[in-house]
C-alpha atoms as a PDB file:
ATOM      1  CA  MET A   1      90.192 131.641 106.433  1.00  0.00           C
ATOM      2  CA  LYS A   2      89.506 131.913 102.721  1.00  0.00           C
ATOM      3  CA  PRO A   3      88.230 128.876 100.905  1.00  0.00           C
ATOM      4  CA  PHE A   4      90.675 127.407  98.267  1.00  0.00           C
ATOM      5  CA  ASN A   5      89.272 126.894  94.722  1.00  0.00           C
ATOM      6  CA  LEU A   6      90.677 124.220  92.655  1.00  0.00           C
ATOM      7  CA  PRO A   7      91.588 125.058  89.045  1.00  0.00           C
ATOM      8  CA  GLN A   8      88.795 124.142  86.624  1.00  0.00           C
ATOM      9  CA  ASP A   9      89.125 122.033  83.500  1.00  0.00           C
ATOM     10  CA  GLN A  10      89.891 124.435  80.634  1.00  0.00           C
ATOM     11  CA  PRO A  11      87.708 123.956  77.447  1.00  0.00           C
ATOM     12  CA  VAL A  12      89.719 122.988  74.203  1.00  0.00           C
ATOM     13  CA  ASP A  13      88.938 123.109  70.717  1.00  0.00           C
ATOM     14  CA  THR A  14      89.895 119.473  69.925  1.00  0.00           C
ATOM     15  CA  GLY A  15      88.557 116.207  71.542  1.00  0.00           C
ATOM     16  CA  THR A  16      92.014 115.398  72.853  1.00  0.00           C
ATOM     17  CA  THR A  17      91.290 116.071  76.286  1.00  0.00           C
ATOM     18  CA  ASP A  18      87.894 114.460  76.232  1.00  0.00           C
ATOM     19  CA  VAL A  19      89.494 111.360  74.692  1.00  0.00           C
ATOM     20  CA  ALA A  20      92.017 111.216  77.560  1.00  0.00           C
ATOM     21  CA  LEU A  21      89.363 111.785  80.114  1.00  0.00           C
ATOM     22  CA  LEU A  22      87.372 108.921  78.796  1.00  0.00           C
ATOM     23  CA  GLU A  23      90.373 106.662  78.824  1.00  0.00           C
ATOM     24  CA  GLN A  24      91.094 107.510  82.317  1.00  0.00           C
ATOM     25  CA  ARG A  25      87.500 106.910  83.300  1.00  0.00           C
ATOM     26  CA  CYS A  26      87.575 103.600  81.850  1.00  0.00           C
ATOM     27  CA  ASN A  27      90.815 102.744  83.368  1.00  0.00           C
ATOM     28  CA  VAL A  28      89.456 103.648  86.850  1.00  0.00           C
ATOM     29  CA  LEU A  29      86.247 101.496  86.258  1.00  0.00           C
ATOM     30  CA  ASN A  30      88.519  98.677  85.361  1.00  0.00           C
ATOM     31  CA  TYR A  31      90.433  98.905  88.560  1.00  0.00           C
ATOM     32  CA  ILE A  32      87.222  99.285  90.531  1.00  0.00           C
ATOM     33  CA  THR A  33      86.071  96.058  89.107  1.00  0.00           C
ATOM     34  CA  GLU A  34      89.245  94.449  90.021  1.00  0.00           C
ATOM     35  CA  ILE A  35      89.005  95.705  93.554  1.00  0.00           C
ATOM     36  CA  GLY A  36      85.399  94.371  93.769  1.00  0.00           C
ATOM     37  CA  THR A  37      86.757  90.902  93.073  1.00  0.00           C
ATOM     38  CA  SER A  38      88.724  91.104  96.165  1.00  0.00           C
ATOM     39  CA  LEU A  39      85.447  90.539  98.117  1.00  0.00           C
ATOM     40  CA  ARG A  40      85.214  87.055  96.501  1.00  0.00           C
ATOM     41  CA  LEU A  41      89.053  86.239  97.120  1.00  0.00           C
ATOM     42  CA  TYR A  42      88.757  86.594 100.977  1.00  0.00           C
ATOM     43  CA  MET A  43      92.128  88.254 101.215  1.00  0.00           C
ATOM     44  CA  ASP A  44      93.280  89.673 104.321  1.00  0.00           C
ATOM     45  CA  THR A  45      93.104  93.268 105.043  1.00  0.00           C
ATOM     46  CA  ASN A  46      96.926  93.980 104.806  1.00  0.00           C
ATOM     47  CA  ALA A  47      96.957  92.411 101.408  1.00  0.00           C
ATOM     48  CA  LEU A  48      93.799  94.191 100.282  1.00  0.00           C
ATOM     49  CA  VAL A  49      94.702  97.694 101.328  1.00  0.00           C
ATOM     50  CA  GLN A  50      98.292  97.327  99.594  1.00  0.00           C
ATOM     51  CA  ARG A  51      96.439  96.203  96.372  1.00  0.00           C
ATOM     52  CA  ILE A  52      94.000  99.219  96.804  1.00  0.00           C
ATOM     53  CA  SER A  53      97.226 101.801  97.258  1.00  0.00           C
ATOM     54  CA  GLN A  54      98.913 100.397  94.172  1.00  0.00           C
ATOM     55  CA  ALA A  55      95.688 100.525  92.197  1.00  0.00           C
ATOM     56  CA  VAL A  56      95.172 104.193  93.088  1.00  0.00           C
ATOM     57  CA  CYS A  57      98.618 105.108  91.681  1.00  0.00           C
ATOM     58  CA  ASN A  58      98.078 103.118  88.336  1.00  0.00           C
ATOM     59  CA  ALA A  59      94.455 104.204  87.776  1.00  0.00           C
ATOM     60  CA  LEU A  60      94.588 107.827  88.738  1.00  0.00           C
ATOM     61  CA  ASN A  61      98.207 108.729  87.567  1.00  0.00           C
ATOM     62  CA  PHE A  62      99.803 109.628  91.023  1.00  0.00           C
ATOM     63  CA  ARG A  63     103.379 108.575  92.083  1.00  0.00           C
ATOM     64  CA  HIS A  64     102.669 108.192  95.734  1.00  0.00           C
ATOM     65  CA  VAL A  65      99.794 107.295  97.991  1.00  0.00           C
ATOM     66  CA  ALA A  66      99.332 106.381 101.647  1.00  0.00           C
ATOM     67  CA  LEU A  67      96.064 104.627 103.010  1.00  0.00           C
ATOM     68  CA  TYR A  68      95.089 105.317 106.463  1.00  0.00           C
ATOM     69  CA  LEU A  69      92.465 103.497 108.451  1.00  0.00           C
ATOM     70  CA  TYR A  70      90.869 104.204 111.985  1.00  0.00           C
ATOM     71  CA  ASN A  71      92.441 102.525 114.871  1.00  0.00           C
ATOM     72  CA  GLU A  72      91.644 103.276 118.493  1.00  0.00           C
ATOM     73  CA  GLY A  73      91.445 107.318 118.104  1.00  0.00           C
ATOM     74  CA  ASN A  74      93.959 107.580 115.608  1.00  0.00           C
ATOM     75  CA  TYR A  75      94.239 107.140 111.796  1.00  0.00           C
ATOM     76  CA  THR A  76      97.077 104.963 111.144  1.00  0.00           C
ATOM     77  CA  VAL A  77      98.978 104.105 107.658  1.00  0.00           C
ATOM     78  CA  TYR A  78      98.072 100.658 106.765  1.00  0.00           C
ATOM     79  CA  ALA A  79      99.602 100.775 103.193  1.00  0.00           C
ATOM     80  CA  THR A  80     101.561 102.937 100.905  1.00  0.00           C
ATOM     81  CA  SER A  81     102.653 102.752  97.232  1.00  0.00           C
ATOM     82  CA  GLY A  82     105.560 104.657  95.533  1.00  0.00           C
ATOM     83  CA  VAL A  83     106.935 105.609  99.014  1.00  0.00           C
ATOM     84  CA  GLY A  84     110.279 104.636 100.207  1.00  0.00           C
ATOM     85  CA  ILE A  85     111.063 102.564 103.196  1.00  0.00           C
ATOM     86  CA  GLU A  86     112.059 105.406 105.607  1.00  0.00           C
ATOM     87  CA  GLU A  87     108.992 107.607 104.564  1.00  0.00           C
ATOM     88  CA  GLU A  88     106.612 104.590 105.274  1.00  0.00           C
ATOM     89  CA  ASP A  89     108.236 104.044 108.583  1.00  0.00           C
ATOM     90  CA  TYR A  90     108.089 107.464 109.488  1.00  0.00           C
ATOM     91  CA  LEU A  91     104.250 107.754 108.643  1.00  0.00           C
ATOM     92  CA  ARG A  92     103.580 104.505 110.429  1.00  0.00           C
ATOM     93  CA  GLN A  93     105.255 105.954 113.545  1.00  0.00           C
ATOM     94  CA  HIS A  94     103.158 109.231 113.306  1.00  0.00           C
ATOM     95  CA  PRO A  95      99.375 108.343 113.298  1.00  0.00           C
ATOM     96  CA  LEU A  96      97.011 111.136 112.867  1.00  0.00           C
ATOM     97  CA  PRO A  97      94.881 111.833 115.928  1.00  0.00           C
ATOM     98  CA  GLU A  98      91.027 112.600 115.499  1.00  0.00           C
ATOM     99  CA  PRO A  99      91.417 116.184 116.477  1.00  0.00           C
ATOM    100  CA  ILE A 100      94.131 116.880 113.810  1.00  0.00           C
ATOM    101  CA  MET A 101      91.831 115.186 111.234  1.00  0.00           C
ATOM    102  CA  THR A 102      88.992 117.513 112.218  1.00  0.00           C
ATOM    103  CA  GLN A 103      91.428 120.540 111.422  1.00  0.00           C
ATOM    104  CA  LEU A 104      92.618 119.056 108.142  1.00  0.00           C
ATOM    105  CA  MET A 105      88.894 118.159 106.980  1.00  0.00           C
ATOM    106  CA  HIS A 106      87.749 121.768 107.669  1.00  0.00           C
ATOM    107  CA  PRO A 107      84.900 122.881 105.372  1.00  0.00           C
ATOM    108  CA  ASP A 108      87.170 125.573 103.727  1.00  0.00           C
ATOM    109  CA  TYR A 109      89.458 122.849 102.264  1.00  0.00           C
ATOM    110  CA  ARG A 110      86.472 120.568 100.962  1.00  0.00           C
ATOM    111  CA  ILE A 111      86.021 119.794  97.500  1.00  0.00           C
ATOM    112  CA  ASN A 112      82.950 117.565  96.774  1.00  0.00           C
ATOM    113  CA  ASN A 113      83.486 115.014  99.505  1.00  0.00           C
ATOM    114  CA  SER A 114      87.282 115.220  99.814  1.00  0.00           C
ATOM    115  CA  TYR A 115      89.614 117.880 100.923  1.00  0.00           C
ATOM    116  CA  PHE A 116      92.530 119.604  99.292  1.00  0.00           C
ATOM    117  CA  ILE A 117      95.042 121.508 101.668  1.00  0.00           C
ATOM    118  CA  PRO A 118      97.273 123.557  99.492  1.00  0.00           C
ATOM    119  CA  ALA A 119     101.005 124.372 100.312  1.00  0.00           C
ATOM    120  CA  GLU A 120     100.199 128.112 101.103  1.00  0.00           C
ATOM    121  CA  ALA A 121      97.441 127.060 103.679  1.00  0.00           C
ATOM    122  CA  SER A 122      98.152 128.531 107.096  1.00  0.00           C
ATOM    123  CA  ILE A 123      97.464 125.294 108.794  1.00  0.00           C
ATOM    124  CA  TRP A 124     101.015 124.103 107.762  1.00  0.00           C
ATOM    125  CA  HIS A 125     102.413 126.592 110.137  1.00  0.00           C
ATOM    126  CA  ASP A 126     101.310 124.411 113.016  1.00  0.00           C
ATOM    127  CA  GLU A 127     104.426 122.429 113.877  1.00  0.00           C
ATOM    128  CA  GLN A 128     102.361 119.584 115.297  1.00  0.00           C
ATOM    129  CA  ILE A 129     100.538 119.071 112.185  1.00  0.00           C
ATOM    130  CA  ASN A 130     103.477 119.665 109.838  1.00  0.00           C
ATOM    131  CA  ASN A 131     105.639 116.929 111.444  1.00  0.00           C
ATOM    132  CA  LEU A 132     102.918 114.308 110.895  1.00  0.00           C
ATOM    133  CA  PHE A 133     103.690 114.185 107.073  1.00  0.00           C
ATOM    134  CA  VAL A 134     106.614 113.824 104.754  1.00  0.00           C
ATOM    135  CA  VAL A 135     107.745 115.318 101.557  1.00  0.00           C
ATOM    136  CA  VAL A 136     108.759 112.514  99.167  1.00  0.00           C
ATOM    137  CA  GLU A 137     111.847 113.927  97.513  1.00  0.00           C
ATOM    138  CA  GLU A 138     113.634 110.659  96.692  1.00  0.00           C
ATOM    139  CA  PRO A 139     113.448 106.993  97.615  1.00  0.00           C
ATOM    140  CA  GLY A 140     114.594 106.346 101.106  1.00  0.00           C
ATOM    141  CA  LYS A 141     114.541 110.007 102.141  1.00  0.00           C
ATOM    142  CA  ALA A 142     111.999 111.280 104.545  1.00  0.00           C
ATOM    143  CA  GLU A 143     111.743 114.966 105.471  1.00  0.00           C
ATOM    144  CA  PRO A 144     109.020 116.755 107.402  1.00  0.00           C
ATOM    145  CA  ILE A 145     107.142 119.392 105.488  1.00  0.00           C
ATOM    146  CA  GLU A 146     108.714 122.649 105.103  1.00  0.00           C
ATOM    147  CA  ILE A 147     106.678 125.616 103.612  1.00  0.00           C
ATOM    148  CA  GLN A 148     108.068 126.982 100.392  1.00  0.00           C
ATOM    149  CA  PRO A 149     106.756 129.647  98.078  1.00  0.00           C
ATOM    150  CA  THR A 150     104.672 128.552  95.191  1.00  0.00           C
ATOM    151  CA  THR A 151     104.997 129.618  91.596  1.00  0.00           C
ATOM    152  CA  SER A 152     101.626 128.706  90.078  1.00  0.00           C
ATOM    153  CA  ASP A 153      97.999 128.357  91.410  1.00  0.00           C
ATOM    154  CA  SER A 154      97.593 125.272  89.208  1.00  0.00           C
ATOM    155  CA  ALA A 155     100.932 123.554  89.671  1.00  0.00           C
ATOM    156  CA  TRP A 156     101.055 120.868  92.343  1.00  0.00           C
ATOM    157  CA  GLN A 157     103.482 121.639  95.159  1.00  0.00           C
ATOM    158  CA  SER A 158     105.317 119.122  97.200  1.00  0.00           C
ATOM    159  CA  GLU A 159     103.695 120.426 100.354  1.00  0.00           C
ATOM    160  CA  ASP A 160     100.144 119.959  99.004  1.00  0.00           C
ATOM    161  CA  LEU A 161      97.877 117.431 100.669  1.00  0.00           C
ATOM    162  CA  MET A 162      94.911 115.878  99.389  1.00  0.00           C
ATOM    163  CA  ILE A 163      92.445 113.711 101.414  1.00  0.00           C
ATOM    164  CA  VAL A 164      90.024 111.257  99.942  1.00  0.00           C
ATOM    165  CA  PRO A 165      87.791 109.740 102.702  1.00  0.00           C
ATOM    166  CA  LEU A 166      86.714 106.213 102.797  1.00  0.00           C
ATOM    167  CA  PHE A 167      83.439 105.879 104.296  1.00  0.00           C
ATOM    168  CA  LYS A 168      81.626 103.038 106.088  1.00  0.00           C
ATOM    169  CA  SER A 169      78.148 101.959 104.903  1.00  0.00           C
ATOM    170  CA  ASP A 170      76.626 103.736 108.063  1.00  0.00           C
ATOM    171  CA  GLY A 171      78.512 107.074 106.790  1.00  0.00           C
ATOM    172  CA  SER A 172      81.161 107.116 109.433  1.00  0.00           C
ATOM    173  CA  LEU A 173      84.797 107.695 108.536  1.00  0.00           C
ATOM    174  CA  LEU A 174      86.668 104.322 107.821  1.00  0.00           C
ATOM    175  CA  GLY A 175      89.916 105.891 106.802  1.00  0.00           C
ATOM    176  CA  PHE A 176      91.200 107.920 103.849  1.00  0.00           C
ATOM    177  CA  LEU A 177      93.660 108.065 101.039  1.00  0.00           C
ATOM    178  CA  THR A 178      96.414 110.773 100.532  1.00  0.00           C
ATOM    179  CA  PRO A 179      97.370 110.869  96.988  1.00  0.00           C
ATOM    180  CA  ASP A 180     100.701 112.674  96.247  1.00  0.00           C
ATOM    181  CA  SER A 181     102.551 114.059  93.161  1.00  0.00           C
ATOM    182  CA  PRO A 182     100.417 113.549  90.112  1.00  0.00           C
ATOM    183  CA  LEU A 183     102.194 112.484  86.921  1.00  0.00           C
ATOM    184  CA  ASP A 184     101.145 115.740  85.183  1.00  0.00           C
ATOM    185  CA  ASP A 185     102.461 117.812  88.149  1.00  0.00           C
ATOM    186  CA  GLN A 186      99.112 119.718  88.273  1.00  0.00           C
ATOM    187  CA  ARG A 187      96.748 120.272  91.298  1.00  0.00           C
ATOM    188  CA  PRO A 188      93.668 118.116  90.829  1.00  0.00           C
ATOM    189  CA  THR A 189      90.470 119.368  89.245  1.00  0.00           C
ATOM    190  CA  GLU A 190      87.061 118.654  90.424  1.00  0.00           C
ATOM    191  CA  GLU A 191      86.819 115.935  87.656  1.00  0.00           C
ATOM    192  CA  THR A 192      89.997 114.229  89.158  1.00  0.00           C
ATOM    193  CA  ILE A 193      88.555 114.272  92.625  1.00  0.00           C
ATOM    194  CA  GLY A 194      85.263 112.786  91.283  1.00  0.00           C
ATOM    195  CA  LEU A 195      87.051 109.823  89.847  1.00  0.00           C
ATOM    196  CA  PHE A 196      89.128 109.405  93.085  1.00  0.00           C
ATOM    197  CA  GLU A 197      85.815 109.507  95.051  1.00  0.00           C
ATOM    198  CA  LEU A 198      84.247 106.853  92.679  1.00  0.00           C
ATOM    199  CA  PHE A 199      87.338 104.720  93.350  1.00  0.00           C
ATOM    200  CA  ALA A 200      87.366 105.229  97.068  1.00  0.00           C
ATOM    201  CA  ASN A 201      83.699 104.277  97.482  1.00  0.00           C
ATOM    202  CA  GLN A 202      84.278 100.858  95.998  1.00  0.00           C
ATOM    203  CA  ALA A 203      87.583 100.517  97.903  1.00  0.00           C
ATOM    204  CA  ALA A 204      85.646 101.228 101.301  1.00  0.00           C
ATOM    205  CA  VAL A 205      83.092  98.602 100.513  1.00  0.00           C
ATOM    206  CA  ALA A 206      85.833  96.035  99.945  1.00  0.00           C
ATOM    207  CA  ILE A 207      87.746  97.072 103.064  1.00  0.00           C
ATOM    208  CA  GLU A 208      84.753  97.130 105.369  1.00  0.00           C
ATOM    209  CA  GLY A 209      83.652  93.772 104.064  1.00  0.00           C
ATOM    210  CA  THR A 210      87.190  92.176 104.636  1.00  0.00           C
ATOM    211  CA  LEU A 211      87.293  93.781 108.218  1.00  0.00           C
ATOM    212  CA  LEU A 212      83.933  92.369 108.972  1.00  0.00           C
ATOM    213  CA  TYR A 213      84.836  88.968 107.654  1.00  0.00           C
ATOM    214  CA  GLU A 214      87.921  88.851 109.649  1.00  0.00           C
ATOM    215  CA  GLU A 215      86.018  89.910 112.850  1.00  0.00           C
ATOM    216  CA  VAL A 216      83.553  86.959 112.302  1.00  0.00           C
ATOM    217  CA  ARG A 217      86.352  84.526 111.760  1.00  0.00           C
ATOM    218  CA  ARG A 218      88.237  85.683 114.750  1.00  0.00           C
ATOM    219  CA  SER A 219      85.176  85.240 116.967  1.00  0.00           C
ATOM    220  CA  SER A 220      84.539  81.815 115.533  1.00  0.00           C
ATOM    221  CA  GLU A 221      88.225  80.970 116.227  1.00  0.00           C
ATOM    222  CA  GLU A 222      87.856  82.307 119.903  1.00  0.00           C
ATOM    223  CA  ARG A 223      84.772  80.247 120.412  1.00  0.00           C
ATOM    224  CA  ALA A 224      86.375  77.116 119.137  1.00  0.00           C
ATOM    225  CA  VAL A 225      89.245  77.819 121.481  1.00  0.00           C
ATOM    226  CA  LEU A 226      86.863  78.010 124.533  1.00  0.00           C
ATOM    227  CA  VAL A 227      85.249  74.823 123.455  1.00  0.00           C
ATOM    228  CA  GLU A 228      88.588  73.037 123.266  1.00  0.00           C
ATOM    229  CA  ILE A 229      89.728  74.218 126.462  1.00  0.00           C
ATOM    230  CA  ALA A 230      86.407  73.185 128.233  1.00  0.00           C
ATOM    231  CA  ARG A 231      86.618  69.830 126.702  1.00  0.00           C
ATOM    232  CA  ALA A 232      90.173  69.346 128.022  1.00  0.00           C
ATOM    233  CA  LEU A 233      89.180  70.425 131.523  1.00  0.00           C
ATOM    234  CA  SER A 234      86.012  67.983 131.418  1.00  0.00           C
ATOM    235  CA  LEU A 235      87.946  64.885 130.695  1.00  0.00           C
ATOM    236  CA  PRO A 236      87.895  62.248 133.292  1.00  0.00           C
ATOM    237  CA  GLU A 237      91.615  62.047 133.191  1.00  0.00           C
ATOM    238  CA  ALA A 238      92.156  65.865 133.715  1.00  0.00           C
ATOM    239  CA  LEU A 239      92.863  65.727 137.373  1.00  0.00           C
ATOM    240  CA  ARG A 240      95.321  62.893 136.988  1.00  0.00           C
ATOM    241  CA  ASP A 241      97.084  64.618 133.989  1.00  0.00           C
ATOM    242  CA  VAL A 242      97.126  68.367 134.569  1.00  0.00           C
ATOM    243  CA  GLU A 243     100.270  68.682 132.367  1.00  0.00           C
ATOM    244  CA  THR A 244      98.179  67.699 129.297  1.00  0.00           C
ATOM    245  CA  VAL A 245      95.486  70.106 130.287  1.00  0.00           C
ATOM    246  CA  TYR A 246      97.998  72.948 130.716  1.00  0.00           C
ATOM    247  CA  ARG A 247      99.545  72.158 127.220  1.00  0.00           C
ATOM    248  CA  THR A 248      96.117  72.028 125.609  1.00  0.00           C
ATOM    249  CA  ILE A 249      95.230  75.534 127.125  1.00  0.00           C
ATOM    250  CA  TYR A 250      98.571  76.926 125.829  1.00  0.00           C
ATOM    251  CA  GLN A 251      98.223  75.444 122.333  1.00  0.00           C
ATOM    252  CA  GLN A 252      94.684  76.778 121.985  1.00  0.00           C
ATOM    253  CA  VAL A 253      95.712  80.230 123.174  1.00  0.00           C
ATOM    254  CA  CYS A 254      98.483  80.179 120.487  1.00  0.00           C
ATOM    255  CA  ARG A 255      95.670  79.729 117.870  1.00  0.00           C
ATOM    256  CA  ILE A 256      94.267  83.150 118.416  1.00  0.00           C
ATOM    257  CA  MET A 257      97.289  85.359 119.496  1.00  0.00           C
ATOM    258  CA  PRO A 258     101.126  85.333 119.346  1.00  0.00           C
ATOM    259  CA  VAL A 259     102.749  84.023 122.544  1.00  0.00           C
ATOM    260  CA  ASP A 260     106.442  84.616 123.543  1.00  0.00           C
ATOM    261  CA  VAL A 261     105.866  83.631 127.087  1.00  0.00           C
ATOM    262  CA  PHE A 262     103.128  81.780 128.845  1.00  0.00           C
ATOM    263  CA  TYR A 263     102.638  80.478 132.235  1.00  0.00           C
ATOM    264  CA  LEU A 264      99.940  79.133 134.484  1.00  0.00           C
ATOM    265  CA  THR A 265     100.028  79.959 138.382  1.00  0.00           C
ATOM    266  CA  ARG A 266      98.246  79.179 141.629  1.00  0.00           C
ATOM    267  CA  TYR A 267      98.089  81.450 144.528  1.00  0.00           C
ATOM    268  CA  GLN A 268      98.304  79.676 147.985  1.00  0.00           C
ATOM    269  CA  SER A 269      96.853  81.922 150.565  1.00  0.00           C
ATOM    270  CA  GLY A 270      98.250  79.973 153.451  1.00  0.00           C
ATOM    271  CA  GLN A 271     101.819  80.178 152.318  1.00  0.00           C
ATOM    272  CA  ARG A 272     101.425  83.528 150.670  1.00  0.00           C
ATOM    273  CA  VAL A 273     103.318  82.246 147.553  1.00  0.00           C
ATOM    274  CA  VAL A 274     102.478  82.001 143.889  1.00  0.00           C
ATOM    275  CA  LEU A 275     103.232  78.578 142.286  1.00  0.00           C
ATOM    276  CA  ILE A 276     104.196  78.402 138.583  1.00  0.00           C
ATOM    277  CA  ASP A 277     102.669  75.019 137.461  1.00  0.00           C
ATOM    278  CA  TYR A 278     103.320  75.410 133.732  1.00  0.00           C
ATOM    279  CA  ARG A 279     105.539  77.723 131.866  1.00  0.00           C
ATOM    280  CA  VAL A 280     106.537  78.111 128.131  1.00  0.00           C
ATOM    281  CA  GLU A 281     109.207  80.482 126.793  1.00  0.00           C
ATOM    282  CA  ASP A 282     109.826  80.902 123.058  1.00  0.00           C
ATOM    283  CA  GLY A 283     107.875  77.676 122.364  1.00  0.00           C
ATOM    284  CA  GLU A 284     110.001  75.489 124.814  1.00  0.00           C
ATOM    285  CA  GLU A 285     108.346  74.077 127.969  1.00  0.00           C
ATOM    286  CA  CYS A 286     110.408  75.072 131.011  1.00  0.00           C
ATOM    287  CA  SER A 287     110.860  73.546 134.447  1.00  0.00           C
ATOM    288  CA  THR A 288     107.864  73.987 136.712  1.00  0.00           C
ATOM    289  CA  GLY A 289     107.358  74.276 140.514  1.00  0.00           C
ATOM    290  CA  GLU A 290     108.970  77.611 141.175  1.00  0.00           C
ATOM    291  CA  GLN A 291     107.499  79.534 144.123  1.00  0.00           C
ATOM    292  CA  HIS A 292     107.384  83.297 144.243  1.00  0.00           C
ATOM    293  CA  GLU A 293     106.529  85.187 147.521  1.00  0.00           C
ATOM    294  CA  LEU A 294     104.125  88.000 146.898  1.00  0.00           C
ATOM    295  CA  PRO A 295     104.646  91.419 148.389  1.00  0.00           C
ATOM    296  CA  ILE A 296     102.010  92.654 150.845  1.00  0.00           C
ATOM    297  CA  GLU A 297     100.299  94.927 148.294  1.00  0.00           C
ATOM    298  CA  ALA A 298      99.736  91.953 146.039  1.00  0.00           C
ATOM    299  CA  MET A 299      98.388  89.721 148.876  1.00  0.00           C
ATOM    300  CA  GLN A 300      95.758  92.068 149.447  1.00  0.00           C
ATOM    301  CA  ARG A 301      94.380  91.266 146.042  1.00  0.00           C
ATOM    302  CA  PHE A 302      93.703  87.550 146.844  1.00  0.00           C
ATOM    303  CA  GLU A 303      91.262  86.202 149.549  1.00  0.00           C
ATOM    304  CA  GLY A 304      89.984  82.927 150.408  1.00  0.00           C
ATOM    305  CA  PRO A 305      91.431  79.374 149.578  1.00  0.00           C
ATOM    306  CA  GLU A 306      93.952  78.417 146.864  1.00  0.00           C
ATOM    307  CA  GLN A 307      92.841  79.791 143.487  1.00  0.00           C
ATOM    308  CA  ASP A 308      94.185  79.856 139.836  1.00  0.00           C
ATOM    309  CA  LEU A 309      95.369  83.158 138.401  1.00  0.00           C
END
């Protein structure tokens, strides 16, 4: 595989290009400062990544961007900007597996710490990879990438892919940005990629900080839930008013997760039945006292005297 070289900035006789570049750098720094303030606002991850994706387009003059974060072996779209509803839905339904990312982040595509996979790269002949992306042609229209002949080495092609990594503080990959369709319709130079990486570094710090804050808050809420349930179980009247205890358990569970259906059951080994003592569906308490006979396979899971499930 032959490494792909980005077009270099061309020298000019006037200071017009230098002024424009300086203005862009200042613009990027302003947005970096804005993203940095997000750490003090304690906004949730969804709001933060949406803010970052919008800032990428505004600061670096791209029409579209998708922001991916790592999630259980895949990189999933968490936010987009300038992308139609259908395109965003398509991308969310097609997360990028780690093995695919390893191919896309091949050293031959590397520029600085980022990656640029041109439309003419042979990797796009792999249908599995090809179908994980969309070409944004018009709002609301999502189409898998189709390889088309290019006309200029420096002109941005709709099938080009740019990947700007978001690194954690320990150097591992948190996620990445995929900016698309620059306003000048030119493939990025190393200078442009450098500005992206400057922005991405601050964005990664903000995202990682927000994720850690949410994890600490979630752990704190879970501990508080366990304390409240333990308190309800230890009250002197708990044995006389089990309905209140069950209701407390349900209310505390709802604090830490969405609950559509909730029930508490007991298995009676002597009768080989499961008793439903408390049940809630769609927020409404339902009649209790139902009995359900267990199949032989299920009975073998339970031994000993009556016990709660």
